[in-house]
Amino acid sequence: MIKKIALCNLNQCEKGYLIGLYIGDGNQYLDRWRHYKINFYFNYKKDKDIVNYTILLLKKIGLSPYKMFHKGCTIVRLNSKSFYIFLNKIQINFLIKENDDFLIGFISGLIDSDGYVRKGDIVLSSKHKNLLKTTQLFCKKIKVNSKLWKQKSTCKGKTFIIWRLRIGTRFKYKQQYSRKIFRIYGGGDCLP
């Protein structure tokens, strides 16, 4: 019997946040014992607030996440066939149909997973151009400027292309849940 996940316990921004976080730094797999595993990866030192918030959201929908530690990384893991199936059904191109609160949450989750925030700078980085192009459409829908560009990077003698999306700092005035934005700009009326 599959245990239902209670997504109705999350508001639209929280749902979007969880999905954006998963798309940015999550994975899933079926192990050899047929357990449905979902992982979220975080920096061990910098992302304790994001880890705690992720656990709070997952518990809010009736799941039982736990933390693991590996090589400077905190992994939030859970076993759930229903959440595994839910995540497999997500098609990012169709998320544009969601309301603005959901899109703001999604962008917040991506910032907390694949982004960095400094005074005057909110930037997402990914090797997946289509993800950032779609996120740029989300920004346009919520009336926030953004700019996409590619950059060559070299690591261990190999050159590769990384895509970056600069999100206008006007985003910080939206009711969003990004912990990284909160760290730099403060505020927090919208933060649980």
Protein backbone atom coordinates (compact mmCIF):
# COMPACT_ATOMS: atom_id res chain seq x y z
CA MET A 1 0.00 0.00 0.00
CA ILE A 2 1.36 3.42 -0.98
CA LYS A 3 1.22 6.07 1.75
CA LYS A 4 -0.28 9.28 0.36
CA ILE A 5 1.74 12.47 0.68
CA ALA A 6 -0.20 15.42 2.02
CA LEU A 7 0.89 18.16 -0.39
CA CYS A 8 -2.25 20.07 0.62
CA ASN A 9 -0.44 20.85 3.90
CA LEU A 10 1.94 23.15 1.98
CA ASN A 11 1.07 26.53 0.54
CA GLN A 12 1.90 27.17 -3.14
CA CYS A 13 5.21 28.89 -2.37
CA GLU A 14 6.33 25.96 -0.17
CA LYS A 15 5.39 23.42 -2.88
CA GLY A 16 7.34 25.37 -5.48
CA TYR A 17 10.30 25.71 -3.11
CA LEU A 18 10.50 21.96 -2.47
CA ILE A 19 10.33 21.17 -6.20
CA GLY A 20 12.92 23.84 -7.09
CA LEU A 21 15.22 22.55 -4.36
CA TYR A 22 14.86 18.97 -5.64
CA ILE A 23 15.46 19.94 -9.27
CA GLY A 24 18.55 21.90 -8.25
CA ASP A 25 20.24 19.49 -5.85
CA GLY A 26 18.18 16.35 -5.55
CA ASN A 27 18.13 12.86 -6.95
CA GLN A 28 16.18 9.66 -6.60
CA TYR A 29 16.75 6.00 -7.23
CA LEU A 30 15.37 2.56 -6.58
CA ASP A 31 17.91 0.53 -4.60
CA ARG A 32 18.55 -3.19 -4.94
CA TRP A 33 16.03 -3.95 -2.14
CA ARG A 34 13.39 -1.97 -4.08
CA HIS A 35 13.39 0.96 -1.64
CA TYR A 36 12.46 4.29 -3.20
CA LYS A 37 15.18 6.75 -2.11
CA ILE A 38 15.07 10.52 -2.51
CA ASN A 39 18.09 12.67 -1.61
CA PHE A 40 18.66 16.42 -1.21
CA TYR A 41 22.32 17.56 -1.03
CA PHE A 42 23.60 20.54 0.96
CA ASN A 43 26.87 22.15 2.04
CA TYR A 44 27.61 20.85 5.54
CA LYS A 45 28.82 24.19 6.94
CA LYS A 46 26.82 26.84 5.07
CA ASP A 47 23.39 25.29 4.56
CA LYS A 48 22.20 24.21 8.03
CA ASP A 49 19.23 26.59 7.82
CA ILE A 50 18.23 25.18 4.42
CA VAL A 51 18.57 21.61 5.74
CA ASN A 52 16.30 22.38 8.70
CA TYR A 53 13.71 24.08 6.48
CA THR A 54 13.73 21.16 4.00
CA ILE A 55 13.17 18.68 6.83
CA LEU A 56 10.33 20.85 8.18
CA LEU A 57 8.58 20.88 4.77
CA LEU A 58 9.01 17.14 4.24
CA LYS A 59 7.61 16.37 7.70
CA LYS A 60 4.73 18.75 7.03
CA ILE A 61 3.60 16.51 4.14
CA GLY A 62 3.83 13.35 6.24
CA LEU A 63 7.29 12.08 5.25
CA SER A 64 10.11 10.93 7.54
CA PRO A 65 13.40 12.46 6.36
CA TYR A 66 16.71 11.86 8.07
CA LYS A 67 20.18 13.40 7.78
CA MET A 68 23.37 11.72 6.62
CA PHE A 69 26.85 13.20 6.33
CA HIS A 70 29.41 12.48 3.63
CA LYS A 71 32.58 14.40 2.64
CA GLY A 72 31.49 17.91 3.68
CA CYS A 73 27.96 17.29 2.49
CA THR A 74 24.72 16.95 4.43
CA ILE A 75 22.25 14.65 2.71
CA VAL A 76 18.58 14.77 3.60
CA ARG A 77 17.25 11.35 2.63
CA LEU A 78 13.83 9.81 2.72
CA ASN A 79 12.18 6.61 1.54
CA SER A 80 8.84 7.15 -0.13
CA LYS A 81 7.34 5.51 -3.17
CA SER A 82 4.54 8.10 -3.41
CA PHE A 83 6.96 11.06 -3.32
CA TYR A 84 9.23 9.25 -5.80
CA ILE A 85 6.29 8.85 -8.20
CA PHE A 86 5.21 12.48 -7.64
CA LEU A 87 8.71 13.78 -8.48
CA ASN A 88 8.88 11.60 -11.62
CA LYS A 89 5.71 13.25 -12.96
CA ILE A 90 7.14 16.78 -12.81
CA GLN A 91 7.76 18.33 -16.20
CA ILE A 92 9.42 21.68 -15.71
CA ASN A 93 8.12 23.16 -18.97
CA PHE A 94 4.53 22.75 -17.73
CA LEU A 95 5.17 24.51 -14.41
CA ILE A 96 4.66 27.85 -16.17
CA LYS A 97 0.92 27.16 -15.79
CA GLU A 98 1.28 27.35 -11.99
CA ASN A 99 0.37 30.52 -10.10
CA ASP A 100 2.91 33.24 -9.23
CA ASP A 101 3.34 32.07 -5.61
CA PHE A 102 4.36 28.61 -6.83
CA LEU A 103 6.84 30.11 -9.34
CA ILE A 104 8.34 32.38 -6.68
CA GLY A 105 8.76 29.34 -4.42
CA PHE A 106 10.33 27.35 -7.26
CA ILE A 107 12.87 30.11 -7.97
CA SER A 108 13.59 30.38 -4.21
CA GLY A 109 14.31 26.63 -4.08
CA LEU A 110 16.62 26.85 -7.09
CA ILE A 111 18.48 29.76 -5.50
CA ASP A 112 19.00 27.77 -2.31
CA SER A 113 20.27 24.76 -4.25
CA ASP A 114 22.06 26.06 -7.36
CA GLY A 115 22.49 29.74 -6.64
CA TYR A 116 24.51 32.29 -4.79
CA VAL A 117 23.47 35.59 -3.28
CA ARG A 118 25.63 38.62 -2.57
CA LYS A 119 24.66 42.26 -2.15
CA GLY A 120 23.38 43.28 -5.58
CA ASP A 121 23.71 39.77 -7.04
CA ILE A 122 21.33 36.80 -7.22
CA VAL A 123 22.71 34.23 -9.67
CA LEU A 124 21.77 30.67 -10.60
CA SER A 125 24.34 28.33 -12.19
CA SER A 126 23.66 25.14 -14.10
CA LYS A 127 24.96 23.03 -16.94
CA HIS A 128 21.34 22.69 -18.08
CA LYS A 129 20.51 25.62 -20.36
CA ASN A 130 16.85 24.60 -20.69
CA LEU A 131 16.34 24.69 -16.91
CA LEU A 132 17.62 28.26 -16.74
CA LYS A 133 15.72 29.35 -19.89
CA THR A 134 12.51 28.04 -18.32
CA THR A 135 13.36 29.75 -15.03
CA GLN A 136 13.88 32.95 -17.01
CA LEU A 137 10.30 32.59 -18.31
CA PHE A 138 9.12 32.18 -14.71
CA CYS A 139 10.95 35.42 -13.80
CA LYS A 140 9.25 37.22 -16.67
CA LYS A 141 5.84 35.95 -15.56
CA ILE A 142 6.35 37.29 -12.01
CA LYS A 143 7.73 40.59 -13.40
CA VAL A 144 11.37 40.21 -12.32
CA ASN A 145 14.18 40.96 -14.76
CA SER A 146 16.76 38.28 -15.52
CA LYS A 147 19.69 37.77 -17.85
CA LEU A 148 21.04 34.44 -19.14
CA TRP A 149 24.60 33.91 -20.33
CA LYS A 150 27.12 31.13 -20.82
CA GLN A 151 30.59 30.94 -19.40
CA LYS A 152 33.52 28.64 -20.06
CA SER A 153 35.02 26.98 -17.01
CA THR A 154 38.00 24.71 -16.58
CA CYS A 155 38.30 22.03 -13.94
CA LYS A 156 41.08 19.42 -13.75
CA GLY A 157 42.22 20.28 -17.28
CA LYS A 158 38.77 19.92 -18.85
CA THR A 159 36.86 22.86 -20.30
CA PHE A 160 33.08 22.93 -20.13
CA ILE A 161 30.20 25.39 -20.50
CA ILE A 162 28.23 26.56 -17.49
CA TRP A 163 25.04 28.61 -17.83
CA ARG A 164 24.23 31.44 -15.44
CA LEU A 165 20.99 33.32 -14.83
CA ARG A 166 21.17 36.64 -13.00
CA ILE A 167 17.87 37.37 -11.29
CA GLY A 168 17.01 41.00 -10.60
CA THR A 169 17.36 41.91 -6.94
CA ARG A 170 13.74 43.06 -7.06
CA PHE A 171 13.03 39.36 -6.39
CA LYS A 172 13.99 39.91 -2.73
CA TYR A 173 10.81 42.00 -2.33
CA LYS A 174 8.57 39.13 -3.41
CA GLN A 175 7.19 36.93 -0.65
CA GLN A 176 9.79 34.23 -1.21
CA TYR A 177 11.38 31.60 1.04
CA SER A 178 15.04 31.61 0.00
CA ARG A 179 17.32 31.21 3.02
CA LYS A 180 20.26 32.55 1.00
CA ILE A 181 18.41 35.78 0.24
CA PHE A 182 17.37 36.06 3.89
CA ARG A 183 21.02 35.68 5.00
CA ILE A 184 22.12 38.65 2.87
CA TYR A 185 19.10 40.94 2.83
CA GLY A 186 17.34 40.05 6.09
CA GLY A 187 13.60 40.56 6.39
CA GLY A 188 11.78 37.38 7.04
CA ASP A 189 8.08 38.17 7.46
CA CYS A 190 7.44 35.38 4.98
CA LEU A 191 9.88 32.92 6.54
CA PRO A 192 8.35 30.29 8.82
